[in-house]
């Protein structure tokens, strides 16, 4: 059975969406892998988005937390707000409490990609702070590292991305991802897909992890968690 990889992102001005498309191409180039693009829900009203100059969203389906559990591996993408993931994406992650309670994402590989407005605007702090979301779910972080080769050492042109994942700079909004940035995004998709495929082949060694949470199942604390964080 093919390894199912989800690329889940939020993009306000299209920079992250462009990286997501390249990552999808890279992942799809690996045989035995099924790839699907998803967006997280928007939290801003149409009026606010219009005032911010946000273009129409791409025709990509909106994911729910429950659907996230169907993937064998997930690559998350988002723009930066003050050195961290945008609130829209954090809101989606906050809604995954039910998945955390049952550990449905534990042991699954996860990657990160992002966009920042400036060179000191969070190219490293954004993925670093985002890793906490993966850790609490027990996911396996798969960084790009330096597997992209010479492109990681480019000094003659402005280049987004890092060992944590592919990235780009939005600047004032008019800048578009460079060919080198898109190449790293493609590489990330291909590299991640290869690892996810290998992990899929290994299979589940110990079965579902939810029994480990039996000590609090049915407790008042659990009931409150489910009530506050619906799927």
Foldseek 3Di string as FASTA:
>chain_A
DAAEEEEEEEDFACQQVLLSVLLQLLQVVDPRHHYAYEYADDPDDPVVSVVVVGDDDDPGHHDALVVVLVHLEYEYEAEDDQQEGDPRVVVRLLLNLVCLLQLSQAAGEYAYEYEYADPPRHLPSHLVVVVVSCVSSNHHYDFQACVLPPLQVDDPDDAGHHRRAQYYHCHVNPDHHDPSSSSRSSVVSNVVSVVSRVSVVVPDPPPGPNVVSVVCPPHPVVVVSCVVRPD
